[in-house]
């Protein structure tokens, strides 16, 4: 993992000084990242190339005045470099989301495993609307999070068995829905990976007409009270204990204003 200077990155996260590696520091960093660095696919929609190296990924988030975000490869790639620079033990893990009727391509997502005092945690700042705190890498236990209740489970315990190419040790992150049923969120594999191993699928995700990221806006950012998400032109703002507020942004000016306000995307940047 490339070592980077963490000072500007920590400033972007609103962290005054470099923390000593600990679970509480990791938890605070993940939450700050989710609330201050938006998940957004502006680079994909604008056709911009994506350079998958740690220095470039960190630089684009920390240039003066930046409010830029990104999607999984950009956000988790940069965050992994920050954690390594702070002294955390971090591994990149290949992952893929469960679709409605099929799995994403292998390496379609990636997550992080951070090991603290011998205990591994699943960390993710690049999944959009998802868990906000590290999940203990312990199969079967239900774990409460501001976004709901999650558990790590074997694919044998869910509706989708291992897919072709999955590592035999792959596990699912499952999320309890309103009906009380745990449903798979995404699948990850335990073997550590290098950043360059994700390059081919990142390029497919960035360019393919079959990629969901090329179809329209996909944005999410955590707020102190909940989430703001954008799916195409539908903006949803959620607050804990309240009904979500949905708006369809048919007007381009209204869409641009929402992108700038919630996700740091300049209205004319695409």
C-alpha atoms as a PDB file:
ATOM      1  CA  UNK A   1       0.000   0.000   0.000  1.00  0.00           C
ATOM      2  CA  UNK A   2       1.382   3.386  -1.022  1.00  0.00           C
ATOM      3  CA  UNK A   3       2.073   5.601   1.987  1.00  0.00           C
ATOM      4  CA  UNK A   4       0.573   9.079   1.725  1.00  0.00           C
ATOM      5  CA  UNK A   5       0.760  12.202   3.859  1.00  0.00           C
ATOM      6  CA  UNK A   6      -2.440  12.028   5.915  1.00  0.00           C
ATOM      7  CA  UNK A   7      -2.611  15.693   7.007  1.00  0.00           C
ATOM      8  CA  UNK A   8      -4.724  17.081   4.142  1.00  0.00           C
ATOM      9  CA  UNK A   9      -6.950  14.001   4.145  1.00  0.00           C
ATOM     10  CA  UNK A  10      -7.635  14.328   7.867  1.00  0.00           C
ATOM     11  CA  UNK A  11      -8.430  18.012   7.340  1.00  0.00           C
ATOM     12  CA  UNK A  12     -10.996  17.002   4.698  1.00  0.00           C
ATOM     13  CA  UNK A  13     -12.566  14.697   7.289  1.00  0.00           C
ATOM     14  CA  UNK A  14     -12.603  17.396   9.958  1.00  0.00           C
ATOM     15  CA  UNK A  15     -10.100  15.517  12.128  1.00  0.00           C
ATOM     16  CA  UNK A  16      -7.706  17.835  13.934  1.00  0.00           C
ATOM     17  CA  UNK A  17      -4.811  15.445  14.496  1.00  0.00           C
ATOM     18  CA  UNK A  18      -3.710  11.977  13.476  1.00  0.00           C
ATOM     19  CA  UNK A  19      -5.247   9.364  15.791  1.00  0.00           C
ATOM     20  CA  UNK A  20      -3.498   6.339  17.232  1.00  0.00           C
ATOM     21  CA  UNK A  21      -4.860   3.162  15.655  1.00  0.00           C
ATOM     22  CA  UNK A  22      -7.779   1.835  17.707  1.00  0.00           C
ATOM     23  CA  UNK A  23     -11.332   0.689  17.093  1.00  0.00           C
ATOM     24  CA  UNK A  24     -12.789   3.996  18.294  1.00  0.00           C
ATOM     25  CA  UNK A  25     -10.486   5.939  15.959  1.00  0.00           C
ATOM     26  CA  UNK A  26     -11.466   3.676  13.050  1.00  0.00           C
ATOM     27  CA  UNK A  27     -15.160   4.097  13.853  1.00  0.00           C
ATOM     28  CA  UNK A  28     -14.819   7.894  13.966  1.00  0.00           C
ATOM     29  CA  UNK A  29     -12.855   8.009  10.701  1.00  0.00           C
ATOM     30  CA  UNK A  30     -15.369   5.844   8.845  1.00  0.00           C
ATOM     31  CA  UNK A  31     -18.306   7.943  10.033  1.00  0.00           C
ATOM     32  CA  UNK A  32     -16.541  11.209   9.170  1.00  0.00           C
ATOM     33  CA  UNK A  33     -15.740   9.871   5.696  1.00  0.00           C
ATOM     34  CA  UNK A  34     -19.328   8.855   5.003  1.00  0.00           C
ATOM     35  CA  UNK A  35     -20.639  12.251   6.117  1.00  0.00           C
ATOM     36  CA  UNK A  36     -17.995  14.433   4.447  1.00  0.00           C
ATOM     37  CA  UNK A  37     -16.947  12.597   1.277  1.00  0.00           C
ATOM     38  CA  UNK A  38     -19.964  11.756  -0.906  1.00  0.00           C
ATOM     39  CA  UNK A  39     -20.493   8.645  -2.943  1.00  0.00           C
ATOM     40  CA  UNK A  40     -21.119   9.899  -6.499  1.00  0.00           C
ATOM     41  CA  UNK A  41     -20.511   8.833 -10.087  1.00  0.00           C
ATOM     42  CA  UNK A  42     -19.758  12.189 -11.728  1.00  0.00           C
ATOM     43  CA  UNK A  43     -16.463  10.952 -13.186  1.00  0.00           C
ATOM     44  CA  UNK A  44     -18.248   8.018 -14.825  1.00  0.00           C
ATOM     45  CA  UNK A  45     -21.020  10.133 -16.364  1.00  0.00           C
ATOM     46  CA  UNK A  46     -18.490  12.710 -17.544  1.00  0.00           C
ATOM     47  CA  UNK A  47     -16.330  10.017 -19.175  1.00  0.00           C
ATOM     48  CA  UNK A  48     -13.273  10.917 -17.136  1.00  0.00           C
ATOM     49  CA  UNK A  49     -10.493   8.315 -16.821  1.00  0.00           C
ATOM     50  CA  UNK A  50      -9.902   6.858 -13.365  1.00  0.00           C
ATOM     51  CA  UNK A  51      -6.342   6.217 -12.243  1.00  0.00           C
ATOM     52  CA  UNK A  52      -6.292   3.414  -9.704  1.00  0.00           C
ATOM     53  CA  UNK A  53      -3.234   4.324  -7.692  1.00  0.00           C
ATOM     54  CA  UNK A  54      -3.333   5.436  -4.100  1.00  0.00           C
ATOM     55  CA  UNK A  55      -1.567   8.788  -4.553  1.00  0.00           C
ATOM     56  CA  UNK A  56      -3.931   9.907  -7.328  1.00  0.00           C
ATOM     57  CA  UNK A  57      -7.017   8.771  -5.440  1.00  0.00           C
ATOM     58  CA  UNK A  58      -5.985  10.667  -2.323  1.00  0.00           C
ATOM     59  CA  UNK A  59      -4.943  13.792  -4.251  1.00  0.00           C
ATOM     60  CA  UNK A  60      -8.350  14.165  -5.927  1.00  0.00           C
ATOM     61  CA  UNK A  61     -10.064  14.185  -2.517  1.00  0.00           C
ATOM     62  CA  UNK A  62      -7.640  16.560  -0.836  1.00  0.00           C
ATOM     63  CA  UNK A  63      -6.878  19.274  -3.392  1.00  0.00           C
ATOM     64  CA  UNK A  64      -7.644  22.721  -1.887  1.00  0.00           C
ATOM     65  CA  UNK A  65     -11.351  23.473  -1.776  1.00  0.00           C
ATOM     66  CA  UNK A  66     -12.264  19.963  -2.919  1.00  0.00           C
ATOM     67  CA  UNK A  67     -15.716  18.585  -2.238  1.00  0.00           C
ATOM     68  CA  UNK A  68     -15.222  15.716  -4.650  1.00  0.00           C
ATOM     69  CA  UNK A  69     -16.309  12.214  -3.817  1.00  0.00           C
ATOM     70  CA  UNK A  70     -16.375   9.099  -5.944  1.00  0.00           C
ATOM     71  CA  UNK A  71     -17.502   5.505  -6.071  1.00  0.00           C
ATOM     72  CA  UNK A  72     -16.160   2.379  -4.417  1.00  0.00           C
ATOM     73  CA  UNK A  73     -12.775   2.074  -6.122  1.00  0.00           C
ATOM     74  CA  UNK A  74     -11.989   5.739  -5.554  1.00  0.00           C
ATOM     75  CA  UNK A  75     -13.285   6.046  -1.998  1.00  0.00           C
ATOM     76  CA  UNK A  76     -12.144   2.756  -0.495  1.00  0.00           C
ATOM     77  CA  UNK A  77      -8.858   2.980  -2.393  1.00  0.00           C
ATOM     78  CA  UNK A  78      -8.111   6.390  -0.909  1.00  0.00           C
ATOM     79  CA  UNK A  79      -9.351   5.440   2.576  1.00  0.00           C
ATOM     80  CA  UNK A  80      -7.159   2.335   2.612  1.00  0.00           C
ATOM     81  CA  UNK A  81      -4.125   4.516   1.878  1.00  0.00           C
ATOM     82  CA  UNK A  82      -5.062   6.881   4.709  1.00  0.00           C
ATOM     83  CA  UNK A  83      -5.520   4.054   7.197  1.00  0.00           C
ATOM     84  CA  UNK A  84      -2.188   2.500   6.211  1.00  0.00           C
ATOM     85  CA  UNK A  85      -0.466   5.866   6.629  1.00  0.00           C
ATOM     86  CA  UNK A  86      -1.942   6.125  10.136  1.00  0.00           C
ATOM     87  CA  UNK A  87      -0.573   2.707  11.081  1.00  0.00           C
ATOM     88  CA  UNK A  88      -3.673   0.537  10.703  1.00  0.00           C
ATOM     89  CA  UNK A  89      -3.319  -2.963   9.244  1.00  0.00           C
ATOM     90  CA  UNK A  90      -5.608  -2.899   6.207  1.00  0.00           C
ATOM     91  CA  UNK A  91      -6.373  -5.381   3.424  1.00  0.00           C
ATOM     92  CA  UNK A  92      -8.358  -4.836   0.211  1.00  0.00           C
ATOM     93  CA  UNK A  93     -11.095  -7.432  -0.313  1.00  0.00           C
ATOM     94  CA  UNK A  94     -12.813  -8.305  -3.579  1.00  0.00           C
ATOM     95  CA  UNK A  95     -16.588  -7.966  -3.344  1.00  0.00           C
ATOM     96  CA  UNK A  96     -19.710  -7.858  -5.488  1.00  0.00           C
ATOM     97  CA  UNK A  97     -23.239  -6.626  -4.848  1.00  0.00           C
ATOM     98  CA  UNK A  98     -26.316  -8.802  -5.084  1.00  0.00           C
ATOM     99  CA  UNK A  99     -28.601  -7.584  -7.866  1.00  0.00           C
ATOM    100  CA  UNK A 100     -32.292  -8.339  -8.243  1.00  0.00           C
ATOM    101  CA  UNK A 101     -31.676 -11.430 -10.332  1.00  0.00           C
ATOM    102  CA  UNK A 102     -27.906 -11.791 -10.651  1.00  0.00           C
ATOM    103  CA  UNK A 103     -24.601 -10.996  -8.993  1.00  0.00           C
ATOM    104  CA  UNK A 104     -22.403  -8.100 -10.073  1.00  0.00           C
ATOM    105  CA  UNK A 105     -19.154  -9.050 -11.839  1.00  0.00           C
ATOM    106  CA  UNK A 106     -16.372 -10.308  -9.602  1.00  0.00           C
ATOM    107  CA  UNK A 107     -14.324  -7.338  -8.331  1.00  0.00           C
ATOM    108  CA  UNK A 108     -17.407  -5.180  -8.993  1.00  0.00           C
ATOM    109  CA  UNK A 109     -16.971  -3.720  -5.517  1.00  0.00           C
ATOM    110  CA  UNK A 110     -14.285  -3.814  -2.916  1.00  0.00           C
ATOM    111  CA  UNK A 111     -14.258  -3.460   0.823  1.00  0.00           C
ATOM    112  CA  UNK A 112     -11.583  -3.219   3.491  1.00  0.00           C
ATOM    113  CA  UNK A 113     -10.566  -5.505   6.320  1.00  0.00           C
ATOM    114  CA  UNK A 114      -8.903  -3.633   9.163  1.00  0.00           C
ATOM    115  CA  UNK A 115      -7.295  -5.699  11.906  1.00  0.00           C
ATOM    116  CA  UNK A 116      -6.882  -4.127  15.345  1.00  0.00           C
ATOM    117  CA  UNK A 117      -5.245  -6.047  18.201  1.00  0.00           C
ATOM    118  CA  UNK A 118      -5.793  -9.263  16.262  1.00  0.00           C
ATOM    119  CA  UNK A 119      -9.516  -8.640  15.652  1.00  0.00           C
ATOM    120  CA  UNK A 120     -10.698  -8.109  12.058  1.00  0.00           C
ATOM    121  CA  UNK A 121     -13.360  -5.563  11.087  1.00  0.00           C
ATOM    122  CA  UNK A 122     -15.156  -5.012   7.794  1.00  0.00           C
ATOM    123  CA  UNK A 123     -14.903  -1.353   6.768  1.00  0.00           C
ATOM    124  CA  UNK A 124     -16.534   0.339   3.780  1.00  0.00           C
ATOM    125  CA  UNK A 125     -16.826   4.026   2.820  1.00  0.00           C
ATOM    126  CA  UNK A 126     -17.570   3.311  -0.841  1.00  0.00           C
ATOM    127  CA  UNK A 127     -20.891   1.449  -0.828  1.00  0.00           C
ATOM    128  CA  UNK A 128     -23.241   4.424  -0.805  1.00  0.00           C
ATOM    129  CA  UNK A 129     -26.255   3.884   1.453  1.00  0.00           C
ATOM    130  CA  UNK A 130     -24.881   1.124   3.684  1.00  0.00           C
ATOM    131  CA  UNK A 131     -23.501   0.451   7.148  1.00  0.00           C
ATOM    132  CA  UNK A 132     -21.851   3.459   8.793  1.00  0.00           C
ATOM    133  CA  UNK A 133     -19.671   1.765  11.428  1.00  0.00           C
ATOM    134  CA  UNK A 134     -17.157  -1.088  11.111  1.00  0.00           C
ATOM    135  CA  UNK A 135     -18.722  -4.552  11.288  1.00  0.00           C
ATOM    136  CA  UNK A 136     -17.057  -7.214  13.393  1.00  0.00           C
ATOM    137  CA  UNK A 137     -15.952 -10.022  11.080  1.00  0.00           C
ATOM    138  CA  UNK A 138     -17.839 -12.628  13.050  1.00  0.00           C
ATOM    139  CA  UNK A 139     -20.247 -14.963  11.314  1.00  0.00           C
ATOM    140  CA  UNK A 140     -23.806 -15.052  12.629  1.00  0.00           C
ATOM    141  CA  UNK A 141     -23.950 -12.226  15.171  1.00  0.00           C
ATOM    142  CA  UNK A 142     -26.461  -9.425  14.599  1.00  0.00           C
ATOM    143  CA  UNK A 143     -24.816  -6.001  14.696  1.00  0.00           C
ATOM    144  CA  UNK A 144     -26.752  -2.784  15.169  1.00  0.00           C
ATOM    145  CA  UNK A 145     -25.745   0.225  13.099  1.00  0.00           C
ATOM    146  CA  UNK A 146     -27.263   3.676  12.490  1.00  0.00           C
ATOM    147  CA  UNK A 147     -28.397   2.322   9.093  1.00  0.00           C
ATOM    148  CA  UNK A 148     -30.063  -0.783  10.546  1.00  0.00           C
ATOM    149  CA  UNK A 149     -29.085  -4.272  11.655  1.00  0.00           C
ATOM    150  CA  UNK A 150     -26.472  -6.288   9.779  1.00  0.00           C
ATOM    151  CA  UNK A 151     -24.846  -9.677  10.084  1.00  0.00           C
ATOM    152  CA  UNK A 152     -22.047 -11.566   8.371  1.00  0.00           C
ATOM    153  CA  UNK A 153     -23.264 -14.932   7.086  1.00  0.00           C
ATOM    154  CA  UNK A 154     -22.295 -17.847   4.904  1.00  0.00           C
ATOM    155  CA  UNK A 155     -23.851 -17.853   1.412  1.00  0.00           C
ATOM    156  CA  UNK A 156     -25.348 -21.208   2.463  1.00  0.00           C
ATOM    157  CA  UNK A 157     -27.527 -19.287   4.944  1.00  0.00           C
ATOM    158  CA  UNK A 158     -28.971 -16.959   2.289  1.00  0.00           C
ATOM    159  CA  UNK A 159     -30.944 -17.177  -0.936  1.00  0.00           C
ATOM    160  CA  UNK A 160     -27.934 -16.877  -3.283  1.00  0.00           C
ATOM    161  CA  UNK A 161     -25.362 -19.699  -3.252  1.00  0.00           C
ATOM    162  CA  UNK A 162     -21.732 -19.250  -4.200  1.00  0.00           C
ATOM    163  CA  UNK A 163     -21.469 -17.922  -7.744  1.00  0.00           C
ATOM    164  CA  UNK A 164     -18.975 -19.214 -10.342  1.00  0.00           C
ATOM    165  CA  UNK A 165     -15.570 -17.779  -9.523  1.00  0.00           C
ATOM    166  CA  UNK A 166     -16.400 -16.984  -5.897  1.00  0.00           C
ATOM    167  CA  UNK A 167     -13.735 -17.913  -3.401  1.00  0.00           C
ATOM    168  CA  UNK A 168     -14.850 -20.898  -1.315  1.00  0.00           C
ATOM    169  CA  UNK A 169     -14.494 -18.766   1.817  1.00  0.00           C
ATOM    170  CA  UNK A 170     -16.696 -15.923   0.546  1.00  0.00           C
ATOM    171  CA  UNK A 171     -19.170 -14.395   3.000  1.00  0.00           C
ATOM    172  CA  UNK A 172     -22.262 -12.229   2.649  1.00  0.00           C
ATOM    173  CA  UNK A 173     -23.099  -9.005   4.421  1.00  0.00           C
ATOM    174  CA  UNK A 174     -26.827  -9.315   5.116  1.00  0.00           C
ATOM    175  CA  UNK A 175     -29.134  -6.419   6.056  1.00  0.00           C
ATOM    176  CA  UNK A 176     -32.394  -6.822   7.963  1.00  0.00           C
ATOM    177  CA  UNK A 177     -35.279  -5.270   6.038  1.00  0.00           C
ATOM    178  CA  UNK A 178     -38.482  -3.785   7.416  1.00  0.00           C
ATOM    179  CA  UNK A 179     -40.203  -7.175   7.254  1.00  0.00           C
ATOM    180  CA  UNK A 180     -37.591  -8.572   9.650  1.00  0.00           C
ATOM    181  CA  UNK A 181     -35.905 -10.761   7.028  1.00  0.00           C
ATOM    182  CA  UNK A 182     -32.148 -10.571   6.481  1.00  0.00           C
ATOM    183  CA  UNK A 183     -31.332 -10.194   2.777  1.00  0.00           C
ATOM    184  CA  UNK A 184     -27.873 -10.223   1.188  1.00  0.00           C
ATOM    185  CA  UNK A 185     -26.310  -6.785   0.672  1.00  0.00           C
ATOM    186  CA  UNK A 186     -22.988  -7.777  -0.879  1.00  0.00           C
ATOM    187  CA  UNK A 187     -20.545 -10.680  -0.957  1.00  0.00           C
ATOM    188  CA  UNK A 188     -16.846 -10.412  -0.150  1.00  0.00           C
ATOM    189  CA  UNK A 189     -13.869 -12.741  -0.301  1.00  0.00           C
ATOM    190  CA  UNK A 190     -11.240 -13.096   2.451  1.00  0.00           C
ATOM    191  CA  UNK A 191      -8.061 -13.137   0.337  1.00  0.00           C
ATOM    192  CA  UNK A 192      -6.137  -9.827   0.350  1.00  0.00           C
ATOM    193  CA  UNK A 193      -5.936  -8.130  -3.044  1.00  0.00           C
ATOM    194  CA  UNK A 194      -3.797  -5.456  -4.689  1.00  0.00           C
ATOM    195  CA  UNK A 195      -5.372  -2.241  -5.942  1.00  0.00           C
ATOM    196  CA  UNK A 196      -4.338  -2.954  -9.529  1.00  0.00           C
ATOM    197  CA  UNK A 197      -6.355  -6.205  -9.498  1.00  0.00           C
ATOM    198  CA  UNK A 198      -9.524  -4.081  -9.573  1.00  0.00           C
ATOM    199  CA  UNK A 199      -8.475  -2.038 -12.618  1.00  0.00           C
ATOM    200  CA  UNK A 200     -10.178  -4.131 -15.317  1.00  0.00           C
ATOM    201  CA  UNK A 201     -13.557  -4.237 -13.563  1.00  0.00           C
ATOM    202  CA  UNK A 202     -13.279  -0.563 -12.643  1.00  0.00           C
ATOM    203  CA  UNK A 203     -12.838   0.222 -16.338  1.00  0.00           C
ATOM    204  CA  UNK A 204     -15.839  -1.956 -17.243  1.00  0.00           C
ATOM    205  CA  UNK A 205     -17.906  -0.209 -14.562  1.00  0.00           C
ATOM    206  CA  UNK A 206     -16.799   3.181 -15.891  1.00  0.00           C
ATOM    207  CA  UNK A 207     -17.498   2.521 -19.568  1.00  0.00           C
ATOM    208  CA  UNK A 208     -19.879  -0.370 -20.189  1.00  0.00           C
ATOM    209  CA  UNK A 209     -23.472   0.365 -21.254  1.00  0.00           C
ATOM    210  CA  UNK A 210     -24.381  -2.620 -19.049  1.00  0.00           C
ATOM    211  CA  UNK A 211     -22.909  -0.957 -15.963  1.00  0.00           C
ATOM    212  CA  UNK A 212     -25.469   0.621 -13.620  1.00  0.00           C
ATOM    213  CA  UNK A 213     -23.057   3.514 -13.097  1.00  0.00           C
ATOM    214  CA  UNK A 214     -23.354   4.647 -16.719  1.00  0.00           C
ATOM    215  CA  UNK A 215     -27.171   4.779 -16.656  1.00  0.00           C
ATOM    216  CA  UNK A 216     -27.676   7.914 -14.542  1.00  0.00           C
ATOM    217  CA  UNK A 217     -26.842   9.553 -11.249  1.00  0.00           C
ATOM    218  CA  UNK A 218     -25.993   7.325  -8.279  1.00  0.00           C
ATOM    219  CA  UNK A 219     -25.142   9.394  -5.202  1.00  0.00           C
ATOM    220  CA  UNK A 220     -25.291   9.048  -1.423  1.00  0.00           C
ATOM    221  CA  UNK A 221     -23.978  10.904   1.581  1.00  0.00           C
ATOM    222  CA  UNK A 222     -24.530  10.415   5.277  1.00  0.00           C
ATOM    223  CA  UNK A 223     -25.983  13.243   7.332  1.00  0.00           C
ATOM    224  CA  UNK A 224     -26.052  13.574  11.121  1.00  0.00           C
ATOM    225  CA  UNK A 225     -29.725  12.533  11.018  1.00  0.00           C
ATOM    226  CA  UNK A 226     -29.757  10.003   8.170  1.00  0.00           C
ATOM    227  CA  UNK A 227     -28.928   9.933   4.465  1.00  0.00           C
ATOM    228  CA  UNK A 228     -29.356  11.851   1.239  1.00  0.00           C
ATOM    229  CA  UNK A 229     -29.444   9.687  -1.887  1.00  0.00           C
ATOM    230  CA  UNK A 230     -29.951  10.354  -5.583  1.00  0.00           C
ATOM    231  CA  UNK A 231     -31.061   7.583  -7.947  1.00  0.00           C
ATOM    232  CA  UNK A 232     -31.307   9.003 -11.441  1.00  0.00           C
ATOM    233  CA  UNK A 233     -33.366  12.124 -10.780  1.00  0.00           C
ATOM    234  CA  UNK A 234     -35.085  10.932  -7.616  1.00  0.00           C
ATOM    235  CA  UNK A 235     -33.719  12.576  -4.472  1.00  0.00           C
ATOM    236  CA  UNK A 236     -34.487  10.985  -1.124  1.00  0.00           C
ATOM    237  CA  UNK A 237     -33.609  12.523   2.246  1.00  0.00           C
ATOM    238  CA  UNK A 238     -34.083  10.382   5.330  1.00  0.00           C
ATOM    239  CA  UNK A 239     -34.010  11.336   8.988  1.00  0.00           C
ATOM    240  CA  UNK A 240     -34.091   8.892  11.890  1.00  0.00           C
ATOM    241  CA  UNK A 241     -37.633   8.223  13.088  1.00  0.00           C
ATOM    242  CA  UNK A 242     -39.275  10.139  10.235  1.00  0.00           C
ATOM    243  CA  UNK A 243     -40.740   9.203   6.885  1.00  0.00           C
ATOM    244  CA  UNK A 244     -38.351   9.730   3.937  1.00  0.00           C
ATOM    245  CA  UNK A 245     -38.813  12.849   1.825  1.00  0.00           C
ATOM    246  CA  UNK A 246     -38.753  12.096  -1.914  1.00  0.00           C
ATOM    247  CA  UNK A 247     -38.484  14.587  -4.769  1.00  0.00           C
ATOM    248  CA  UNK A 248     -38.351  13.978  -8.512  1.00  0.00           C
ATOM    249  CA  UNK A 249     -35.941  16.513 -10.011  1.00  0.00           C
ATOM    250  CA  UNK A 250     -37.309  16.972 -13.520  1.00  0.00           C
ATOM    251  CA  UNK A 251     -35.833  20.452 -13.916  1.00  0.00           C
ATOM    252  CA  UNK A 252     -32.114  20.506 -14.830  1.00  0.00           C
ATOM    253  CA  UNK A 253     -31.455  23.564 -12.678  1.00  0.00           C
ATOM    254  CA  UNK A 254     -33.102  21.868  -9.705  1.00  0.00           C
ATOM    255  CA  UNK A 255     -31.053  18.732 -10.332  1.00  0.00           C
ATOM    256  CA  UNK A 256     -27.849  20.758 -10.530  1.00  0.00           C
ATOM    257  CA  UNK A 257     -28.653  22.576  -7.297  1.00  0.00           C
ATOM    258  CA  UNK A 258     -29.304  19.282  -5.490  1.00  0.00           C
ATOM    259  CA  UNK A 259     -26.071  17.762  -6.816  1.00  0.00           C
ATOM    260  CA  UNK A 260     -24.080  20.749  -5.601  1.00  0.00           C
ATOM    261  CA  UNK A 261     -25.800  20.995  -2.224  1.00  0.00           C
ATOM    262  CA  UNK A 262     -25.808  17.370  -1.173  1.00  0.00           C
ATOM    263  CA  UNK A 263     -23.009  15.712  -3.125  1.00  0.00           C
ATOM    264  CA  UNK A 264     -20.461  18.396  -3.939  1.00  0.00           C
ATOM    265  CA  UNK A 265     -20.909  18.023  -7.699  1.00  0.00           C
ATOM    266  CA  UNK A 266     -20.663  21.296  -9.621  1.00  0.00           C
ATOM    267  CA  UNK A 267     -23.799  21.686 -11.774  1.00  0.00           C
ATOM    268  CA  UNK A 268     -21.835  22.025 -15.014  1.00  0.00           C
ATOM    269  CA  UNK A 269     -19.043  19.567 -14.167  1.00  0.00           C
ATOM    270  CA  UNK A 270     -20.347  16.967 -16.600  1.00  0.00           C
END
